[in-house]
Amino acid sequence: MPADPQGKKRPEPDRLDVAADEAIAMCGGDMRSTIRALLLANEFLEHEVKELMVAVSKGYERRRRNYLRPPPSGRKDYD
């Protein structure tokens, strides 16, 4: 932790505060533009999560069907 001139420890800036300051700076200090950009980024991430959930669900179901299927007859190496 950095110390002030009197030797007292100052708390380091919170990482979220730093990220918020950076986002505002990237939008030229315009709060409305910053909020719009963050909402857009959030929508994009929500869309990505939905796509991943569908992909994982399909893969899970495919694996589950294969697991529950009885072994082929005559195959001794199938365990």
PDB file of N, CA and C in Angstrom:
ATOM      1  N   MET A   1       0.830  -1.189   0.000  1.00  0.00           N
ATOM      2  CA  MET A   1       0.000   0.000   0.000  1.00  0.00           C
ATOM      3  C   MET A   1       0.871   1.247   0.000  1.00  0.00           C
ATOM      4  N   PRO A   2       0.521   2.233  -0.841  1.00  0.00           N
ATOM      5  CA  PRO A   2       1.312   3.466  -0.832  1.00  0.00           C
ATOM      6  C   PRO A   2       1.070   4.259   0.447  1.00  0.00           C
ATOM      7  N   ALA A   3       2.106   4.999   0.858  1.00  0.00           N
ATOM      8  CA  ALA A   3       1.987   5.814   2.071  1.00  0.00           C
ATOM      9  C   ALA A   3       1.861   7.279   1.691  1.00  0.00           C
ATOM     10  N   ASP A   4       1.106   8.037   2.485  1.00  0.00           N
ATOM     11  CA  ASP A   4       0.991   9.476   2.256  1.00  0.00           C
ATOM     12  C   ASP A   4       2.168  10.176   2.949  1.00  0.00           C
ATOM     13  N   PRO A   5       2.280  11.510   2.800  1.00  0.00           N
ATOM     14  CA  PRO A   5       3.438  12.215   3.393  1.00  0.00           C
ATOM     15  C   PRO A   5       3.578  12.031   4.908  1.00  0.00           C
ATOM     16  N   GLN A   6       2.499  11.804   5.629  1.00  0.00           N
ATOM     17  CA  GLN A   6       2.594  11.612   7.080  1.00  0.00           C
ATOM     18  C   GLN A   6       2.964  10.174   7.443  1.00  0.00           C
ATOM     19  N   GLY A   7       3.162   9.309   6.450  1.00  0.00           N
ATOM     20  CA  GLY A   7       3.553   7.934   6.725  1.00  0.00           C
ATOM     21  C   GLY A   7       2.381   6.982   6.922  1.00  0.00           C
ATOM     22  N   LYS A   8       1.156   7.500   6.839  1.00  0.00           N
ATOM     23  CA  LYS A   8      -0.011   6.637   6.996  1.00  0.00           C
ATOM     24  C   LYS A   8      -0.257   5.890   5.683  1.00  0.00           C
ATOM     25  N   LYS A   9      -0.734   4.680   5.826  1.00  0.00           N
ATOM     26  CA  LYS A   9      -1.018   3.885   4.635  1.00  0.00           C
ATOM     27  C   LYS A   9      -2.343   4.321   4.021  1.00  0.00           C
ATOM     28  N   ARG A  10      -2.327   4.484   2.693  1.00  0.00           N
ATOM     29  CA  ARG A  10      -3.552   4.801   1.964  1.00  0.00           C
ATOM     30  C   ARG A  10      -4.041   3.529   1.290  1.00  0.00           C
ATOM     31  N   PRO A  11      -5.336   3.303   1.248  1.00  0.00           N
ATOM     32  CA  PRO A  11      -5.823   2.114   0.549  1.00  0.00           C
ATOM     33  C   PRO A  11      -5.600   2.256  -0.956  1.00  0.00           C
ATOM     34  N   GLU A  12      -5.269   1.145  -1.608  1.00  0.00           N
ATOM     35  CA  GLU A  12      -5.107   1.151  -3.057  1.00  0.00           C
ATOM     36  C   GLU A  12      -6.485   1.298  -3.697  1.00  0.00           C
ATOM     37  N   PRO A  13      -6.537   1.903  -4.873  1.00  0.00           N
ATOM     38  CA  PRO A  13      -7.832   2.062  -5.531  1.00  0.00           C
ATOM     39  C   PRO A  13      -8.458   0.704  -5.830  1.00  0.00           C
ATOM     40  N   ASP A  14      -9.737   0.635  -5.654  1.00  0.00           N
ATOM     41  CA  ASP A  14     -10.490  -0.585  -5.944  1.00  0.00           C
ATOM     42  C   ASP A  14     -10.405  -0.862  -7.439  1.00  0.00           C
ATOM     43  N   ARG A  15     -10.229  -2.113  -7.826  1.00  0.00           N
ATOM     44  CA  ARG A  15     -10.091  -2.447  -9.245  1.00  0.00           C
ATOM     45  C   ARG A  15     -11.322  -2.064 -10.044  1.00  0.00           C
ATOM     46  N   LEU A  16     -12.500  -2.103  -9.425  1.00  0.00           N
ATOM     47  CA  LEU A  16     -13.712  -1.699 -10.136  1.00  0.00           C
ATOM     48  C   LEU A  16     -13.750  -0.194 -10.353  1.00  0.00           C
ATOM     49  N   ASP A  17     -13.248   0.562  -9.379  1.00  0.00           N
ATOM     50  CA  ASP A  17     -13.161   2.012  -9.552  1.00  0.00           C
ATOM     51  C   ASP A  17     -12.209   2.356 -10.689  1.00  0.00           C
ATOM     52  N   VAL A  18     -11.101   1.641 -10.743  1.00  0.00           N
ATOM     53  CA  VAL A  18     -10.124   1.880 -11.810  1.00  0.00           C
ATOM     54  C   VAL A  18     -10.739   1.539 -13.162  1.00  0.00           C
ATOM     55  N   ALA A  19     -11.436   0.394 -13.240  1.00  0.00           N
ATOM     56  CA  ALA A  19     -12.072  -0.017 -14.494  1.00  0.00           C
ATOM     57  C   ALA A  19     -13.146   0.989 -14.914  1.00  0.00           C
ATOM     58  N   ALA A  20     -13.906   1.507 -13.949  1.00  0.00           N
ATOM     59  CA  ALA A  20     -14.934   2.496 -14.259  1.00  0.00           C
ATOM     60  C   ALA A  20     -14.297   3.776 -14.792  1.00  0.00           C
ATOM     61  N   ASP A  21     -13.230   4.204 -14.153  1.00  0.00           N
ATOM     62  CA  ASP A  21     -12.526   5.405 -14.625  1.00  0.00           C
ATOM     63  C   ASP A  21     -11.985   5.209 -16.039  1.00  0.00           C
ATOM     64  N   GLU A  22     -11.450   4.031 -16.323  1.00  0.00           N
ATOM     65  CA  GLU A  22     -10.933   3.740 -17.665  1.00  0.00           C
ATOM     66  C   GLU A  22     -12.050   3.742 -18.705  1.00  0.00           C
ATOM     67  N   ALA A  23     -13.207   3.152 -18.355  1.00  0.00           N
ATOM     68  CA  ALA A  23     -14.340   3.116 -19.288  1.00  0.00           C
ATOM     69  C   ALA A  23     -14.826   4.532 -19.590  1.00  0.00           C
ATOM     70  N   ILE A  24     -14.915   5.351 -18.564  1.00  0.00           N
ATOM     71  CA  ILE A  24     -15.352   6.736 -18.752  1.00  0.00           C
ATOM     72  C   ILE A  24     -14.348   7.496 -19.619  1.00  0.00           C
ATOM     73  N   ALA A  25     -13.069   7.274 -19.377  1.00  0.00           N
ATOM     74  CA  ALA A  25     -12.028   7.944 -20.158  1.00  0.00           C
ATOM     75  C   ALA A  25     -12.089   7.519 -21.624  1.00  0.00           C
ATOM     76  N   MET A  26     -12.338   6.223 -21.866  1.00  0.00           N
ATOM     77  CA  MET A  26     -12.414   5.740 -23.253  1.00  0.00           C
ATOM     78  C   MET A  26     -13.586   6.351 -24.007  1.00  0.00           C
ATOM     79  N   CYS A  27     -14.608   6.765 -23.280  1.00  0.00           N
ATOM     80  CA  CYS A  27     -15.770   7.394 -23.911  1.00  0.00           C
ATOM     81  C   CYS A  27     -15.689   8.911 -23.834  1.00  0.00           C
ATOM     82  N   GLY A  28     -14.516   9.425 -23.629  1.00  0.00           N
ATOM     83  CA  GLY A  28     -14.301  10.863 -23.623  1.00  0.00           C
ATOM     84  C   GLY A  28     -14.953  11.584 -22.459  1.00  0.00           C
ATOM     85  N   GLY A  29     -15.201  10.893 -21.370  1.00  0.00           N
ATOM     86  CA  GLY A  29     -15.811  11.510 -20.196  1.00  0.00           C
ATOM     87  C   GLY A  29     -17.329  11.592 -20.261  1.00  0.00           C
ATOM     88  N   ASP A  30     -17.921  11.116 -21.332  1.00  0.00           N
ATOM     89  CA  ASP A  30     -19.383  11.163 -21.489  1.00  0.00           C
ATOM     90  C   ASP A  30     -20.009   9.962 -20.786  1.00  0.00           C
ATOM     91  N   MET A  31     -20.726  10.231 -19.711  1.00  0.00           N
ATOM     92  CA  MET A  31     -21.330   9.155 -18.914  1.00  0.00           C
ATOM     93  C   MET A  31     -22.372   8.368 -19.703  1.00  0.00           C
ATOM     94  N   ARG A  32     -23.177   9.061 -20.492  1.00  0.00           N
ATOM     95  CA  ARG A  32     -24.215   8.380 -21.263  1.00  0.00           C
ATOM     96  C   ARG A  32     -23.590   7.399 -22.259  1.00  0.00           C
ATOM     97  N   SER A  33     -22.545   7.820 -22.941  1.00  0.00           N
ATOM     98  CA  SER A  33     -21.852   6.938 -23.880  1.00  0.00           C
ATOM     99  C   SER A  33     -21.223   5.753 -23.150  1.00  0.00           C
ATOM    100  N   THR A  34     -20.696   5.999 -21.974  1.00  0.00           N
ATOM    101  CA  THR A  34     -20.092   4.931 -21.181  1.00  0.00           C
ATOM    102  C   THR A  34     -21.129   3.887 -20.805  1.00  0.00           C
ATOM    103  N   ILE A  35     -22.285   4.351 -20.340  1.00  0.00           N
ATOM    104  CA  ILE A  35     -23.344   3.412 -19.951  1.00  0.00           C
ATOM    105  C   ILE A  35     -23.831   2.626 -21.157  1.00  0.00           C
ATOM    106  N   ARG A  36     -24.012   3.296 -22.291  1.00  0.00           N
ATOM    107  CA  ARG A  36     -24.446   2.607 -23.518  1.00  0.00           C
ATOM    108  C   ARG A  36     -23.432   1.541 -23.926  1.00  0.00           C
ATOM    109  N   ALA A  37     -22.144   1.875 -23.861  1.00  0.00           N
ATOM    110  CA  ALA A  37     -21.104   0.915 -24.232  1.00  0.00           C
ATOM    111  C   ALA A  37     -21.109  -0.289 -23.297  1.00  0.00           C
ATOM    112  N   LEU A  38     -21.286  -0.053 -22.010  1.00  0.00           N
ATOM    113  CA  LEU A  38     -21.315  -1.151 -21.047  1.00  0.00           C
ATOM    114  C   LEU A  38     -22.555  -2.024 -21.230  1.00  0.00           C
ATOM    115  N   LEU A  39     -23.701  -1.396 -21.532  1.00  0.00           N
ATOM    116  CA  LEU A  39     -24.910  -2.173 -21.791  1.00  0.00           C
ATOM    117  C   LEU A  39     -24.753  -3.033 -23.043  1.00  0.00           C
ATOM    118  N   LEU A  40     -24.147  -2.470 -24.066  1.00  0.00           N
ATOM    119  CA  LEU A  40     -23.903  -3.218 -25.296  1.00  0.00           C
ATOM    120  C   LEU A  40     -22.970  -4.399 -25.033  1.00  0.00           C
ATOM    121  N   ALA A  41     -21.909  -4.167 -24.276  1.00  0.00           N
ATOM    122  CA  ALA A  41     -20.980  -5.246 -23.941  1.00  0.00           C
ATOM    123  C   ALA A  41     -21.683  -6.329 -23.130  1.00  0.00           C
ATOM    124  N   ASN A  42     -22.556  -5.931 -22.226  1.00  0.00           N
ATOM    125  CA  ASN A  42     -23.291  -6.886 -21.405  1.00  0.00           C
ATOM    126  C   ASN A  42     -24.235  -7.727 -22.266  1.00  0.00           C
ATOM    127  N   GLU A  43     -24.928  -7.098 -23.206  1.00  0.00           N
ATOM    128  CA  GLU A  43     -25.816  -7.842 -24.106  1.00  0.00           C
ATOM    129  C   GLU A  43     -25.026  -8.866 -24.915  1.00  0.00           C
ATOM    130  N   PHE A  44     -23.857  -8.454 -25.399  1.00  0.00           N
ATOM    131  CA  PHE A  44     -23.014  -9.361 -26.158  1.00  0.00           C
ATOM    132  C   PHE A  44     -22.624 -10.574 -25.307  1.00  0.00           C
ATOM    133  N   LEU A  45     -22.212 -10.328 -24.078  1.00  0.00           N
ATOM    134  CA  LEU A  45     -21.806 -11.420 -23.193  1.00  0.00           C
ATOM    135  C   LEU A  45     -22.981 -12.336 -22.854  1.00  0.00           C
ATOM    136  N   GLU A  46     -24.177 -11.763 -22.648  1.00  0.00           N
ATOM    137  CA  GLU A  46     -25.357 -12.585 -22.386  1.00  0.00           C
ATOM    138  C   GLU A  46     -25.656 -13.487 -23.578  1.00  0.00           C
ATOM    139  N   HIS A  47     -25.523 -12.950 -24.787  1.00  0.00           N
ATOM    140  CA  HIS A  47     -25.740 -13.740 -25.997  1.00  0.00           C
ATOM    141  C   HIS A  47     -24.725 -14.886 -26.078  1.00  0.00           C
ATOM    142  N   GLU A  48     -23.467 -14.596 -25.771  1.00  0.00           N
ATOM    143  CA  GLU A  48     -22.426 -15.620 -25.782  1.00  0.00           C
ATOM    144  C   GLU A  48     -22.737 -16.725 -24.775  1.00  0.00           C
ATOM    145  N   VAL A  49     -23.187 -16.351 -23.590  1.00  0.00           N
ATOM    146  CA  VAL A  49     -23.511 -17.337 -22.555  1.00  0.00           C
ATOM    147  C   VAL A  49     -24.641 -18.243 -23.031  1.00  0.00           C
ATOM    148  N   LYS A  50     -25.677 -17.660 -23.645  1.00  0.00           N
ATOM    149  CA  LYS A  50     -26.789 -18.465 -24.149  1.00  0.00           C
ATOM    150  C   LYS A  50     -26.318 -19.463 -25.193  1.00  0.00           C
ATOM    151  N   GLU A  51     -25.456 -19.022 -26.114  1.00  0.00           N
ATOM    152  CA  GLU A  51     -24.930 -19.925 -27.135  1.00  0.00           C
ATOM    153  C   GLU A  51     -24.113 -21.049 -26.514  1.00  0.00           C
ATOM    154  N   LEU A  52     -23.298 -20.730 -25.528  1.00  0.00           N
ATOM    155  CA  LEU A  52     -22.486 -21.746 -24.866  1.00  0.00           C
ATOM    156  C   LEU A  52     -23.347 -22.731 -24.090  1.00  0.00           C
ATOM    157  N   MET A  53     -24.413 -22.240 -23.462  1.00  0.00           N
ATOM    158  CA  MET A  53     -25.306 -23.125 -22.727  1.00  0.00           C
ATOM    159  C   MET A  53     -25.973 -24.122 -23.665  1.00  0.00           C
ATOM    160  N   VAL A  54     -26.371 -23.673 -24.848  1.00  0.00           N
ATOM    161  CA  VAL A  54     -26.984 -24.567 -25.823  1.00  0.00           C
ATOM    162  C   VAL A  54     -25.962 -25.607 -26.276  1.00  0.00           C
ATOM    163  N   ALA A  55     -24.749 -25.177 -26.570  1.00  0.00           N
ATOM    164  CA  ALA A  55     -23.709 -26.099 -27.031  1.00  0.00           C
ATOM    165  C   ALA A  55     -23.373 -27.131 -25.955  1.00  0.00           C
ATOM    166  N   VAL A  56     -23.250 -26.693 -24.714  1.00  0.00           N
ATOM    167  CA  VAL A  56     -22.934 -27.613 -23.625  1.00  0.00           C
ATOM    168  C   VAL A  56     -24.091 -28.576 -23.413  1.00  0.00           C
ATOM    169  N   SER A  57     -25.306 -28.083 -23.484  1.00  0.00           N
ATOM    170  CA  SER A  57     -26.474 -28.926 -23.281  1.00  0.00           C
ATOM    171  C   SER A  57     -26.537 -30.027 -24.333  1.00  0.00           C
ATOM    172  N   LYS A  58     -26.276 -29.670 -25.611  1.00  0.00           N
ATOM    173  CA  LYS A  58     -26.307 -30.671 -26.672  1.00  0.00           C
ATOM    174  C   LYS A  58     -25.203 -31.702 -26.466  1.00  0.00           C
ATOM    175  N   GLY A  59     -24.023 -31.251 -26.108  1.00  0.00           N
ATOM    176  CA  GLY A  59     -22.918 -32.168 -25.860  1.00  0.00           C
ATOM    177  C   GLY A  59     -23.190 -33.070 -24.678  1.00  0.00           C
ATOM    178  N   TYR A  60     -23.790 -32.521 -23.636  1.00  0.00           N
ATOM    179  CA  TYR A  60     -24.129 -33.311 -22.454  1.00  0.00           C
ATOM    180  C   TYR A  60     -25.140 -34.389 -22.825  1.00  0.00           C
ATOM    181  N   GLU A  61     -26.168 -34.020 -23.565  1.00  0.00           N
ATOM    182  CA  GLU A  61     -27.192 -34.991 -23.963  1.00  0.00           C
ATOM    183  C   GLU A  61     -26.595 -36.080 -24.840  1.00  0.00           C
ATOM    184  N   ARG A  62     -25.717 -35.709 -25.771  1.00  0.00           N
ATOM    185  CA  ARG A  62     -25.102 -36.699 -26.649  1.00  0.00           C
ATOM    186  C   ARG A  62     -24.275 -37.680 -25.820  1.00  0.00           C
ATOM    187  N   ARG A  63     -23.502 -37.181 -24.879  1.00  0.00           N
ATOM    188  CA  ARG A  63     -22.681 -38.045 -24.015  1.00  0.00           C
ATOM    189  C   ARG A  63     -23.570 -38.916 -23.143  1.00  0.00           C
ATOM    190  N   ARG A  64     -24.637 -38.362 -22.638  1.00  0.00           N
ATOM    191  CA  ARG A  64     -25.535 -39.114 -21.762  1.00  0.00           C
ATOM    192  C   ARG A  64     -26.190 -40.261 -22.529  1.00  0.00           C
ATOM    193  N   ARG A  65     -26.626 -39.999 -23.762  1.00  0.00           N
ATOM    194  CA  ARG A  65     -27.244 -41.060 -24.567  1.00  0.00           C
ATOM    195  C   ARG A  65     -26.246 -42.180 -24.822  1.00  0.00           C
ATOM    196  N   ASN A  66     -25.000 -41.822 -25.145  1.00  0.00           N
ATOM    197  CA  ASN A  66     -23.973 -42.834 -25.398  1.00  0.00           C
ATOM    198  C   ASN A  66     -23.659 -43.629 -24.140  1.00  0.00           C
ATOM    199  N   TYR A  67     -23.678 -42.973 -23.007  1.00  0.00           N
ATOM    200  CA  TYR A  67     -23.373 -43.632 -21.738  1.00  0.00           C
ATOM    201  C   TYR A  67     -24.475 -44.607 -21.348  1.00  0.00           C
ATOM    202  N   LEU A  68     -25.728 -44.217 -21.588  1.00  0.00           N
ATOM    203  CA  LEU A  68     -26.854 -45.050 -21.186  1.00  0.00           C
ATOM    204  C   LEU A  68     -27.153 -46.172 -22.183  1.00  0.00           C
ATOM    205  N   ARG A  69     -26.582 -46.080 -23.366  1.00  0.00           N
ATOM    206  CA  ARG A  69     -26.819 -47.096 -24.390  1.00  0.00           C
ATOM    207  C   ARG A  69     -26.144 -48.400 -23.974  1.00  0.00           C
ATOM    208  N   PRO A  70     -26.824 -49.551 -24.154  1.00  0.00           N
ATOM    209  CA  PRO A  70     -26.181 -50.820 -23.799  1.00  0.00           C
ATOM    210  C   PRO A  70     -25.002 -51.099 -24.731  1.00  0.00           C
ATOM    211  N   PRO A  71     -23.996 -51.820 -24.254  1.00  0.00           N
ATOM    212  CA  PRO A  71     -22.830 -52.106 -25.097  1.00  0.00           C
ATOM    213  C   PRO A  71     -23.215 -52.984 -26.290  1.00  0.00           C
ATOM    214  N   PRO A  72     -22.523 -52.816 -27.391  1.00  0.00           N
ATOM    215  CA  PRO A  72     -22.808 -53.649 -28.551  1.00  0.00           C
ATOM    216  C   PRO A  72     -22.559 -55.119 -28.228  1.00  0.00           C
ATOM    217  N   SER A  73     -23.387 -55.982 -28.772  1.00  0.00           N
ATOM    218  CA  SER A  73     -23.243 -57.410 -28.479  1.00  0.00           C
ATOM    219  C   SER A  73     -21.967 -57.950 -29.105  1.00  0.00           C
ATOM    220  N   GLY A  74     -21.311 -58.831 -28.378  1.00  0.00           N
ATOM    221  CA  GLY A  74     -20.108 -59.465 -28.876  1.00  0.00           C
ATOM    222  C   GLY A  74     -18.842 -58.636 -28.683  1.00  0.00           C
ATOM    223  N   ARG A  75     -18.926 -57.470 -28.106  1.00  0.00           N
ATOM    224  CA  ARG A  75     -17.725 -56.647 -27.905  1.00  0.00           C
ATOM    225  C   ARG A  75     -17.198 -56.849 -26.494  1.00  0.00           C
ATOM    226  N   LYS A  76     -16.079 -57.471 -26.368  1.00  0.00           N
ATOM    227  CA  LYS A  76     -15.504 -57.728 -25.051  1.00  0.00           C
ATOM    228  C   LYS A  76     -14.664 -56.546 -24.562  1.00  0.00           C
ATOM    229  N   ASP A  77     -14.237 -55.685 -25.499  1.00  0.00           N
ATOM    230  CA  ASP A  77     -13.399 -54.543 -25.122  1.00  0.00           C
ATOM    231  C   ASP A  77     -14.220 -53.308 -24.751  1.00  0.00           C
ATOM    232  N   TYR A  78     -15.512 -53.402 -24.740  1.00  0.00           N
ATOM    233  CA  TYR A  78     -16.385 -52.267 -24.482  1.00  0.00           C
ATOM    234  C   TYR A  78     -16.738 -52.216 -23.002  1.00  0.00           C
ATOM    235  N   ASP A  79     -16.068 -51.371 -22.273  1.00  0.00           N
ATOM    236  CA  ASP A  79     -16.356 -51.230 -20.833  1.00  0.00           C
ATOM    237  C   ASP A  79     -16.616 -49.802 -20.493  1.00  0.00           C
TER     238      ASP A  79
END
